[in-house]
Amino acid sequence: MTGTIPPEIKLLKDLVKLDLSNNNLQGSIPEALYRLTGLEEITLFKNQLTGKLSSSLGNLWSLY
């Protein structure tokens, strides 16, 4: 995959695991990702993501 993480990712409300590693994703992590409060696991390594993590990361209570 290339490009950015689209803001429409917020539509995947029942998503539990997200693995976008080993892609060529660029840009920052969209605020919409932090709305996926059921996420238990997220993997984003080996991309070209930039910027800071949002304080909204605290909304992802289920991450371990």
Protein backbone atom coordinates (compact mmCIF):
# COMPACT_ATOMS: atom_id res chain seq x y z
CA MET A 1 0.00 0.00 0.00
CA THR A 2 1.13 3.53 -0.62
CA GLY A 3 -0.30 6.92 0.21
CA THR A 4 -1.83 7.99 3.49
CA ILE A 5 -4.13 6.37 6.03
CA PRO A 6 -7.52 7.67 4.90
CA PRO A 7 -9.83 9.41 7.39
CA GLU A 8 -12.56 6.98 6.33
CA ILE A 9 -10.81 4.40 8.50
CA LYS A 10 -13.16 5.60 11.25
CA LEU A 11 -15.94 3.72 9.46
CA LEU A 12 -14.38 0.40 10.54
CA LYS A 13 -15.99 0.72 13.97
CA ASP A 14 -15.76 -2.99 14.86
CA LEU A 15 -12.09 -3.29 13.94
CA VAL A 16 -10.07 -5.09 16.62
CA LYS A 17 -6.71 -5.63 14.93
CA LEU A 18 -5.05 -3.33 12.39
CA ASP A 19 -1.74 -4.25 10.77
CA LEU A 20 -0.51 -1.74 8.21
CA SER A 21 3.16 -2.58 8.65
CA ASN A 22 5.63 -2.95 5.78
CA ASN A 23 3.87 -0.51 3.47
CA ASN A 24 4.86 2.84 2.07
CA LEU A 25 2.34 4.88 4.04
CA GLN A 26 3.23 8.55 4.43
CA GLY A 27 1.95 11.53 6.34
CA SER A 28 0.60 11.59 9.85
CA ILE A 29 -1.77 9.25 11.64
CA PRO A 30 -5.25 10.70 11.05
CA GLU A 31 -7.30 11.74 14.06
CA ALA A 32 -10.02 9.40 12.76
CA LEU A 33 -7.89 6.39 13.73
CA TYR A 34 -8.21 7.35 17.39
CA ARG A 35 -11.99 6.92 17.13
CA LEU A 36 -11.60 3.15 16.74
CA THR A 37 -12.04 2.57 20.45
CA GLY A 38 -12.38 -1.21 20.07
CA LEU A 39 -8.84 -1.58 18.70
CA GLU A 40 -6.82 -4.04 20.73
CA GLU A 41 -3.75 -4.09 18.51
CA ILE A 42 -2.28 -1.72 15.94
CA THR A 43 0.95 -2.24 14.01
CA LEU A 44 2.38 0.52 11.83
CA PHE A 45 6.11 -0.16 11.64
CA LYS A 46 8.20 0.10 8.44
CA ASN A 47 6.27 3.04 6.96
CA GLN A 48 7.15 6.67 6.36
CA LEU A 49 4.70 8.12 8.90
CA THR A 50 5.56 11.53 10.36
CA GLY A 51 4.33 13.81 13.11
CA LYS A 52 3.42 13.26 16.72
CA LEU A 53 0.94 10.86 18.28
CA SER A 54 -2.25 12.63 19.26
CA SER A 55 -3.29 12.92 22.89
CA SER A 56 -6.43 11.13 21.66
CA LEU A 57 -4.36 7.95 21.86
CA GLY A 58 -5.69 7.77 25.42
CA ASN A 59 -9.15 7.04 23.96
CA LEU A 60 -7.95 3.62 22.81
CA TRP A 61 -8.60 1.87 26.11
CA SER A 62 -8.50 -1.63 24.62
CA LEU A 63 -4.91 -1.43 23.28
CA TYR A 64 -2.48 -3.83 24.89
